[in-house]
């Protein structure tokens, strides 16, 4: 069943009003008609089963049949911080990371980031990233759409990081055989906790960047004995978090 994420003000009593790209998708892509059912999610993470009652050229109106009891989100919130990678790698991280349960994505301008952030073109890129997150959330039946922030510097990131747990993936400690820190952090996660994961760009993080993060209570972690690509590491850690918090019980 198709799922759409709406603003809270699109829910009025027992009615939903759908416009713009979502209305176009229902009419032109899915070719739905009156009487068909969809799931509409609000900004509070609540999902409602709705029936389409009226279709016009610029709006669709539906009635709420029932509010659903869904548990699709991880019991902990996870923020993925990625050093700006080349090409469309960040799009892949956002799409697949959303499917795997991430709550927020923050690109950061690392010392070894090859890509240089252009503020003029940045608005369109940010819109595209958020659209990718929304579409991936719909496809994977999430009840929230992860937020995608504008790129930050490392200092801005540290100032904004108020999570209960903070880790940084560092391949040098992995090469030295470090294998317990990630396990220790994940095994101590409790429902309601928040975890922030910093992963470098293609060239990795510099010693200075890692030392700066350590000064601000980030824990260095190896992600296994193999060196993972910048776009693979976020998916690895999200899978590990999901296994630990959703399947171990």
C-alpha atoms as a PDB file:
ATOM      1  CA  UNK A   1       0.000   0.000   0.000  1.00  0.00           C
ATOM      2  CA  UNK A   2       1.347   3.409  -0.985  1.00  0.00           C
ATOM      3  CA  UNK A   3       2.577   5.641   1.850  1.00  0.00           C
ATOM      4  CA  UNK A   4       2.763   9.436   1.879  1.00  0.00           C
ATOM      5  CA  UNK A   5       4.320  11.837   4.378  1.00  0.00           C
ATOM      6  CA  UNK A   6       2.222  14.922   5.053  1.00  0.00           C
ATOM      7  CA  UNK A   7       2.473  18.040   7.195  1.00  0.00           C
ATOM      8  CA  UNK A   8       0.371  18.098  10.358  1.00  0.00           C
ATOM      9  CA  UNK A   9      -1.843  20.857   8.965  1.00  0.00           C
ATOM     10  CA  UNK A  10      -2.891  18.521   6.132  1.00  0.00           C
ATOM     11  CA  UNK A  11      -4.775  16.472   8.719  1.00  0.00           C
ATOM     12  CA  UNK A  12      -8.065  18.140   9.725  1.00  0.00           C
ATOM     13  CA  UNK A  13     -10.371  16.139  12.001  1.00  0.00           C
ATOM     14  CA  UNK A  14     -10.904  12.884  10.073  1.00  0.00           C
ATOM     15  CA  UNK A  15      -9.825  14.264   6.710  1.00  0.00           C
ATOM     16  CA  UNK A  16      -6.508  14.483   4.886  1.00  0.00           C
ATOM     17  CA  UNK A  17      -5.717  16.873   2.054  1.00  0.00           C
ATOM     18  CA  UNK A  18      -2.932  15.942  -0.351  1.00  0.00           C
ATOM     19  CA  UNK A  19      -1.444  18.365  -2.871  1.00  0.00           C
ATOM     20  CA  UNK A  20       1.572  19.087  -5.070  1.00  0.00           C
ATOM     21  CA  UNK A  21       3.977  16.213  -5.852  1.00  0.00           C
ATOM     22  CA  UNK A  22       2.147  13.655  -3.706  1.00  0.00           C
ATOM     23  CA  UNK A  23      -1.169  14.401  -5.417  1.00  0.00           C
ATOM     24  CA  UNK A  24       0.568  14.136  -8.806  1.00  0.00           C
ATOM     25  CA  UNK A  25       2.057  10.778  -7.807  1.00  0.00           C
ATOM     26  CA  UNK A  26      -1.325   9.403  -6.749  1.00  0.00           C
ATOM     27  CA  UNK A  27      -3.069  10.599  -9.915  1.00  0.00           C
ATOM     28  CA  UNK A  28      -0.492  10.348 -12.664  1.00  0.00           C
ATOM     29  CA  UNK A  29       1.962   7.675 -11.507  1.00  0.00           C
ATOM     30  CA  UNK A  30      -0.170   5.288  -9.453  1.00  0.00           C
ATOM     31  CA  UNK A  31      -3.371   6.164 -11.388  1.00  0.00           C
ATOM     32  CA  UNK A  32      -5.468   5.684  -8.280  1.00  0.00           C
ATOM     33  CA  UNK A  33      -9.172   6.414  -8.160  1.00  0.00           C
ATOM     34  CA  UNK A  34     -11.758   7.271  -5.529  1.00  0.00           C
ATOM     35  CA  UNK A  35     -12.332   4.432  -3.074  1.00  0.00           C
ATOM     36  CA  UNK A  36      -8.723   3.231  -3.074  1.00  0.00           C
ATOM     37  CA  UNK A  37      -6.713   3.250   0.126  1.00  0.00           C
ATOM     38  CA  UNK A  38      -3.368   4.742   1.089  1.00  0.00           C
ATOM     39  CA  UNK A  39      -1.363   5.288   4.280  1.00  0.00           C
ATOM     40  CA  UNK A  40      -0.682   8.869   5.373  1.00  0.00           C
ATOM     41  CA  UNK A  41       1.950   9.710   7.999  1.00  0.00           C
ATOM     42  CA  UNK A  42       2.085  12.945   9.985  1.00  0.00           C
ATOM     43  CA  UNK A  43       5.123  14.769  11.351  1.00  0.00           C
ATOM     44  CA  UNK A  44       4.719  13.043  14.729  1.00  0.00           C
ATOM     45  CA  UNK A  45       5.470   9.614  13.285  1.00  0.00           C
ATOM     46  CA  UNK A  46       1.819   8.481  13.341  1.00  0.00           C
ATOM     47  CA  UNK A  47       0.319   6.597  10.410  1.00  0.00           C
ATOM     48  CA  UNK A  48      -3.313   6.534   9.304  1.00  0.00           C
ATOM     49  CA  UNK A  49      -5.125   4.244   6.890  1.00  0.00           C
ATOM     50  CA  UNK A  50      -7.058   6.546   4.551  1.00  0.00           C
ATOM     51  CA  UNK A  51      -9.567   6.169   1.727  1.00  0.00           C
ATOM     52  CA  UNK A  52      -9.503   8.510  -1.254  1.00  0.00           C
ATOM     53  CA  UNK A  53     -12.821  10.365  -1.439  1.00  0.00           C
ATOM     54  CA  UNK A  54     -12.253  13.131  -3.959  1.00  0.00           C
ATOM     55  CA  UNK A  55      -9.734  13.752  -6.737  1.00  0.00           C
ATOM     56  CA  UNK A  56      -9.449  17.163  -8.389  1.00  0.00           C
ATOM     57  CA  UNK A  57      -6.820  18.672 -10.655  1.00  0.00           C
ATOM     58  CA  UNK A  58      -4.687  20.053  -7.810  1.00  0.00           C
ATOM     59  CA  UNK A  59      -5.797  18.265  -4.646  1.00  0.00           C
ATOM     60  CA  UNK A  60      -6.819  14.901  -3.294  1.00  0.00           C
ATOM     61  CA  UNK A  61      -9.037  14.530  -0.264  1.00  0.00           C
ATOM     62  CA  UNK A  62      -9.236  11.398   1.825  1.00  0.00           C
ATOM     63  CA  UNK A  63     -10.972  10.208   4.956  1.00  0.00           C
ATOM     64  CA  UNK A  64      -9.147   8.611   7.868  1.00  0.00           C
ATOM     65  CA  UNK A  65     -10.418   5.086   8.445  1.00  0.00           C
ATOM     66  CA  UNK A  66      -8.181   4.310  11.405  1.00  0.00           C
ATOM     67  CA  UNK A  67      -4.885   5.259  13.025  1.00  0.00           C
ATOM     68  CA  UNK A  68      -2.443   2.382  12.786  1.00  0.00           C
ATOM     69  CA  UNK A  69      -0.229   1.010  15.515  1.00  0.00           C
ATOM     70  CA  UNK A  70       3.128   0.639  13.796  1.00  0.00           C
ATOM     71  CA  UNK A  71       6.592   0.005  15.175  1.00  0.00           C
ATOM     72  CA  UNK A  72       8.863   0.671  12.217  1.00  0.00           C
ATOM     73  CA  UNK A  73      11.476   2.906  13.841  1.00  0.00           C
ATOM     74  CA  UNK A  74      14.576   1.773  15.709  1.00  0.00           C
ATOM     75  CA  UNK A  75      14.392   2.197  19.499  1.00  0.00           C
ATOM     76  CA  UNK A  76      17.411   4.537  19.290  1.00  0.00           C
ATOM     77  CA  UNK A  77      17.904   7.545  17.036  1.00  0.00           C
ATOM     78  CA  UNK A  78      20.962   7.398  14.787  1.00  0.00           C
ATOM     79  CA  UNK A  79      22.657  10.345  13.103  1.00  0.00           C
ATOM     80  CA  UNK A  80      25.034   9.509  10.267  1.00  0.00           C
ATOM     81  CA  UNK A  81      27.758  12.107   9.690  1.00  0.00           C
ATOM     82  CA  UNK A  82      29.552  11.625   6.368  1.00  0.00           C
ATOM     83  CA  UNK A  83      32.597  13.454   5.098  1.00  0.00           C
ATOM     84  CA  UNK A  84      31.480  14.922   1.764  1.00  0.00           C
ATOM     85  CA  UNK A  85      32.174  12.166  -0.784  1.00  0.00           C
ATOM     86  CA  UNK A  86      32.545  12.381  -4.568  1.00  0.00           C
ATOM     87  CA  UNK A  87      29.756  12.042  -7.131  1.00  0.00           C
ATOM     88  CA  UNK A  88      26.428  10.645  -6.037  1.00  0.00           C
ATOM     89  CA  UNK A  89      27.775   8.571  -3.154  1.00  0.00           C
ATOM     90  CA  UNK A  90      25.985  10.706  -0.570  1.00  0.00           C
ATOM     91  CA  UNK A  91      22.707  10.059  -2.381  1.00  0.00           C
ATOM     92  CA  UNK A  92      23.325   6.327  -1.997  1.00  0.00           C
ATOM     93  CA  UNK A  93      24.130   6.779   1.711  1.00  0.00           C
ATOM     94  CA  UNK A  94      20.911   8.733   2.257  1.00  0.00           C
ATOM     95  CA  UNK A  95      18.729   6.322   0.291  1.00  0.00           C
ATOM     96  CA  UNK A  96      20.050   3.091   1.766  1.00  0.00           C
ATOM     97  CA  UNK A  97      20.653   4.629   5.189  1.00  0.00           C
ATOM     98  CA  UNK A  98      16.991   5.640   5.321  1.00  0.00           C
ATOM     99  CA  UNK A  99      15.961   2.082   4.479  1.00  0.00           C
ATOM    100  CA  UNK A 100      18.190   0.859   7.312  1.00  0.00           C
ATOM    101  CA  UNK A 101      16.701   3.189   9.920  1.00  0.00           C
ATOM    102  CA  UNK A 102      18.860   6.331  10.195  1.00  0.00           C
ATOM    103  CA  UNK A 103      17.137   9.340  11.734  1.00  0.00           C
ATOM    104  CA  UNK A 104      19.350  12.142  10.464  1.00  0.00           C
ATOM    105  CA  UNK A 105      22.149  12.721   7.965  1.00  0.00           C
ATOM    106  CA  UNK A 106      24.816  15.425   8.299  1.00  0.00           C
ATOM    107  CA  UNK A 107      27.424  15.870   5.565  1.00  0.00           C
ATOM    108  CA  UNK A 108      30.594  17.477   6.880  1.00  0.00           C
ATOM    109  CA  UNK A 109      33.436  19.276   5.175  1.00  0.00           C
ATOM    110  CA  UNK A 110      36.446  17.117   5.992  1.00  0.00           C
ATOM    111  CA  UNK A 111      40.097  17.991   5.411  1.00  0.00           C
ATOM    112  CA  UNK A 112      40.329  15.258   2.766  1.00  0.00           C
ATOM    113  CA  UNK A 113      36.972  15.893   1.094  1.00  0.00           C
ATOM    114  CA  UNK A 114      37.653  16.214  -2.615  1.00  0.00           C
ATOM    115  CA  UNK A 115      34.273  17.839  -3.211  1.00  0.00           C
ATOM    116  CA  UNK A 116      34.095  21.532  -2.393  1.00  0.00           C
ATOM    117  CA  UNK A 117      30.726  22.725  -1.140  1.00  0.00           C
ATOM    118  CA  UNK A 118      29.208  25.465  -3.288  1.00  0.00           C
ATOM    119  CA  UNK A 119      26.660  27.458  -1.299  1.00  0.00           C
ATOM    120  CA  UNK A 120      25.004  28.790  -4.483  1.00  0.00           C
ATOM    121  CA  UNK A 121      24.312  25.315  -5.846  1.00  0.00           C
ATOM    122  CA  UNK A 122      23.853  23.865  -2.379  1.00  0.00           C
ATOM    123  CA  UNK A 123      20.157  24.647  -2.009  1.00  0.00           C
ATOM    124  CA  UNK A 124      19.191  22.464  -4.965  1.00  0.00           C
ATOM    125  CA  UNK A 125      21.421  19.653  -3.739  1.00  0.00           C
ATOM    126  CA  UNK A 126      19.885  19.813  -0.260  1.00  0.00           C
ATOM    127  CA  UNK A 127      16.380  19.707  -1.755  1.00  0.00           C
ATOM    128  CA  UNK A 128      17.356  16.649  -3.788  1.00  0.00           C
ATOM    129  CA  UNK A 129      18.868  14.897  -0.758  1.00  0.00           C
ATOM    130  CA  UNK A 130      15.706  15.480   1.267  1.00  0.00           C
ATOM    131  CA  UNK A 131      13.565  14.244  -1.606  1.00  0.00           C
ATOM    132  CA  UNK A 132      15.637  11.055  -1.756  1.00  0.00           C
ATOM    133  CA  UNK A 133      15.144  10.562   2.001  1.00  0.00           C
ATOM    134  CA  UNK A 134      11.370  11.065   1.657  1.00  0.00           C
ATOM    135  CA  UNK A 135      11.044   8.609  -1.231  1.00  0.00           C
ATOM    136  CA  UNK A 136      13.182   6.012   0.557  1.00  0.00           C
ATOM    137  CA  UNK A 137      11.109   6.430   3.730  1.00  0.00           C
ATOM    138  CA  UNK A 138       7.920   5.840   1.731  1.00  0.00           C
ATOM    139  CA  UNK A 139       9.375   2.789   0.005  1.00  0.00           C
ATOM    140  CA  UNK A 140      10.645   1.213   3.229  1.00  0.00           C
ATOM    141  CA  UNK A 141       7.447   1.984   5.184  1.00  0.00           C
ATOM    142  CA  UNK A 142       9.080   4.258   7.720  1.00  0.00           C
ATOM    143  CA  UNK A 143       6.870   6.408   9.932  1.00  0.00           C
ATOM    144  CA  UNK A 144       9.266   9.381   9.846  1.00  0.00           C
ATOM    145  CA  UNK A 145      11.364  10.997   7.130  1.00  0.00           C
ATOM    146  CA  UNK A 146      15.011  11.407   8.173  1.00  0.00           C
ATOM    147  CA  UNK A 147      16.319  14.960   8.154  1.00  0.00           C
ATOM    148  CA  UNK A 148      19.223  15.883   5.877  1.00  0.00           C
ATOM    149  CA  UNK A 149      21.236  18.892   7.043  1.00  0.00           C
ATOM    150  CA  UNK A 150      23.399  21.331   5.120  1.00  0.00           C
ATOM    151  CA  UNK A 151      27.103  20.439   5.290  1.00  0.00           C
ATOM    152  CA  UNK A 152      28.889  21.496   8.478  1.00  0.00           C
ATOM    153  CA  UNK A 153      32.481  22.015   9.498  1.00  0.00           C
ATOM    154  CA  UNK A 154      33.873  19.738  12.181  1.00  0.00           C
ATOM    155  CA  UNK A 155      33.625  22.527  14.768  1.00  0.00           C
ATOM    156  CA  UNK A 156      29.988  23.176  13.875  1.00  0.00           C
ATOM    157  CA  UNK A 157      29.296  19.464  14.099  1.00  0.00           C
ATOM    158  CA  UNK A 158      30.796  19.159  17.579  1.00  0.00           C
ATOM    159  CA  UNK A 159      28.783  22.170  18.755  1.00  0.00           C
ATOM    160  CA  UNK A 160      25.577  20.564  17.449  1.00  0.00           C
ATOM    161  CA  UNK A 161      26.234  17.017  18.692  1.00  0.00           C
ATOM    162  CA  UNK A 162      24.242  16.433  21.856  1.00  0.00           C
ATOM    163  CA  UNK A 163      23.723  12.679  21.437  1.00  0.00           C
ATOM    164  CA  UNK A 164      24.072  10.280  24.355  1.00  0.00           C
ATOM    165  CA  UNK A 165      26.683   8.219  22.456  1.00  0.00           C
ATOM    166  CA  UNK A 166      29.252   9.441  19.904  1.00  0.00           C
ATOM    167  CA  UNK A 167      31.617   7.336  17.837  1.00  0.00           C
ATOM    168  CA  UNK A 168      34.035   7.909  14.984  1.00  0.00           C
ATOM    169  CA  UNK A 169      35.025   5.231  12.486  1.00  0.00           C
ATOM    170  CA  UNK A 170      38.807   5.222  12.171  1.00  0.00           C
ATOM    171  CA  UNK A 171      40.564   2.751   9.917  1.00  0.00           C
ATOM    172  CA  UNK A 172      43.926   3.139  11.669  1.00  0.00           C
ATOM    173  CA  UNK A 173      42.589   1.561  14.879  1.00  0.00           C
ATOM    174  CA  UNK A 174      40.954  -1.155  12.765  1.00  0.00           C
ATOM    175  CA  UNK A 175      44.350  -1.925  11.233  1.00  0.00           C
ATOM    176  CA  UNK A 176      45.754  -2.234  14.754  1.00  0.00           C
ATOM    177  CA  UNK A 177      43.135  -4.863  15.573  1.00  0.00           C
ATOM    178  CA  UNK A 178      40.756  -2.762  17.689  1.00  0.00           C
ATOM    179  CA  UNK A 179      37.494  -4.706  17.726  1.00  0.00           C
ATOM    180  CA  UNK A 180      35.693  -4.099  21.020  1.00  0.00           C
ATOM    181  CA  UNK A 181      34.721  -0.419  21.111  1.00  0.00           C
ATOM    182  CA  UNK A 182      31.820  -0.654  18.665  1.00  0.00           C
ATOM    183  CA  UNK A 183      30.507  -3.752  20.420  1.00  0.00           C
ATOM    184  CA  UNK A 184      30.771  -2.011  23.784  1.00  0.00           C
ATOM    185  CA  UNK A 185      28.864   1.072  22.602  1.00  0.00           C
ATOM    186  CA  UNK A 186      26.123  -0.881  20.835  1.00  0.00           C
ATOM    187  CA  UNK A 187      25.620  -3.326  23.701  1.00  0.00           C
ATOM    188  CA  UNK A 188      25.079  -0.403  26.074  1.00  0.00           C
ATOM    189  CA  UNK A 189      22.433   1.328  23.962  1.00  0.00           C
ATOM    190  CA  UNK A 190      19.088   1.751  25.719  1.00  0.00           C
ATOM    191  CA  UNK A 191      15.689   2.587  24.180  1.00  0.00           C
ATOM    192  CA  UNK A 192      15.475   6.339  23.754  1.00  0.00           C
ATOM    193  CA  UNK A 193      19.241   6.816  23.446  1.00  0.00           C
ATOM    194  CA  UNK A 194      20.798   8.701  20.559  1.00  0.00           C
ATOM    195  CA  UNK A 195      23.937   7.740  18.662  1.00  0.00           C
ATOM    196  CA  UNK A 196      26.043   9.929  16.388  1.00  0.00           C
ATOM    197  CA  UNK A 197      28.415   8.185  13.967  1.00  0.00           C
ATOM    198  CA  UNK A 198      31.167  10.095  12.137  1.00  0.00           C
ATOM    199  CA  UNK A 199      32.590   8.530   8.975  1.00  0.00           C
ATOM    200  CA  UNK A 200      35.267  10.147   6.826  1.00  0.00           C
ATOM    201  CA  UNK A 201      35.348  10.790   3.063  1.00  0.00           C
ATOM    202  CA  UNK A 202      37.223   8.624   0.539  1.00  0.00           C
ATOM    203  CA  UNK A 203      40.625   9.622   1.894  1.00  0.00           C
ATOM    204  CA  UNK A 204      39.612   8.986   5.481  1.00  0.00           C
ATOM    205  CA  UNK A 205      39.956  11.294   8.473  1.00  0.00           C
ATOM    206  CA  UNK A 206      43.209  12.965   9.449  1.00  0.00           C
ATOM    207  CA  UNK A 207      44.871  12.295  12.796  1.00  0.00           C
ATOM    208  CA  UNK A 208      44.076  15.890  13.775  1.00  0.00           C
ATOM    209  CA  UNK A 209      40.372  15.466  13.035  1.00  0.00           C
ATOM    210  CA  UNK A 210      40.177  12.265  15.051  1.00  0.00           C
ATOM    211  CA  UNK A 211      42.093  13.824  17.945  1.00  0.00           C
ATOM    212  CA  UNK A 212      39.693  16.798  17.895  1.00  0.00           C
ATOM    213  CA  UNK A 213      36.702  14.451  18.057  1.00  0.00           C
ATOM    214  CA  UNK A 214      38.296  12.464  20.886  1.00  0.00           C
ATOM    215  CA  UNK A 215      38.677  15.694  22.847  1.00  0.00           C
ATOM    216  CA  UNK A 216      34.896  16.026  22.568  1.00  0.00           C
ATOM    217  CA  UNK A 217      34.077  12.545  23.911  1.00  0.00           C
ATOM    218  CA  UNK A 218      33.899  10.646  20.620  1.00  0.00           C
ATOM    219  CA  UNK A 219      35.038   7.015  20.844  1.00  0.00           C
ATOM    220  CA  UNK A 220      37.313   5.653  18.095  1.00  0.00           C
ATOM    221  CA  UNK A 221      35.945   2.445  16.580  1.00  0.00           C
ATOM    222  CA  UNK A 222      37.117  -0.075  14.041  1.00  0.00           C
ATOM    223  CA  UNK A 223      34.437  -1.488  11.726  1.00  0.00           C
ATOM    224  CA  UNK A 224      35.994  -4.918  11.324  1.00  0.00           C
ATOM    225  CA  UNK A 225      39.236  -6.149   9.742  1.00  0.00           C
ATOM    226  CA  UNK A 226      38.398  -5.000   6.198  1.00  0.00           C
ATOM    227  CA  UNK A 227      38.640  -1.406   4.991  1.00  0.00           C
ATOM    228  CA  UNK A 228      35.201  -0.177   3.981  1.00  0.00           C
ATOM    229  CA  UNK A 229      34.419   2.464   1.386  1.00  0.00           C
ATOM    230  CA  UNK A 230      32.981   5.807   2.501  1.00  0.00           C
ATOM    231  CA  UNK A 231      29.546   4.765   1.234  1.00  0.00           C
ATOM    232  CA  UNK A 232      29.705   1.249   2.730  1.00  0.00           C
ATOM    233  CA  UNK A 233      30.654   2.116   6.315  1.00  0.00           C
ATOM    234  CA  UNK A 234      27.353   3.905   7.172  1.00  0.00           C
ATOM    235  CA  UNK A 235      25.364   0.916   5.940  1.00  0.00           C
ATOM    236  CA  UNK A 236      27.566  -1.477   7.903  1.00  0.00           C
ATOM    237  CA  UNK A 237      27.075   0.367  11.184  1.00  0.00           C
ATOM    238  CA  UNK A 238      23.323   0.879  10.671  1.00  0.00           C
ATOM    239  CA  UNK A 239      22.919  -2.845  10.056  1.00  0.00           C
ATOM    240  CA  UNK A 240      24.890  -3.591  13.231  1.00  0.00           C
ATOM    241  CA  UNK A 241      22.753  -1.146  15.254  1.00  0.00           C
ATOM    242  CA  UNK A 242      19.539  -2.643  13.899  1.00  0.00           C
ATOM    243  CA  UNK A 243      20.691  -6.164  14.722  1.00  0.00           C
ATOM    244  CA  UNK A 244      21.698  -5.159  18.245  1.00  0.00           C
ATOM    245  CA  UNK A 245      18.606  -3.128  19.123  1.00  0.00           C
ATOM    246  CA  UNK A 246      15.845  -4.809  17.102  1.00  0.00           C
ATOM    247  CA  UNK A 247      16.766  -8.472  16.645  1.00  0.00           C
ATOM    248  CA  UNK A 248      18.766  -9.392  19.732  1.00  0.00           C
ATOM    249  CA  UNK A 249      15.681  -9.227  21.967  1.00  0.00           C
END
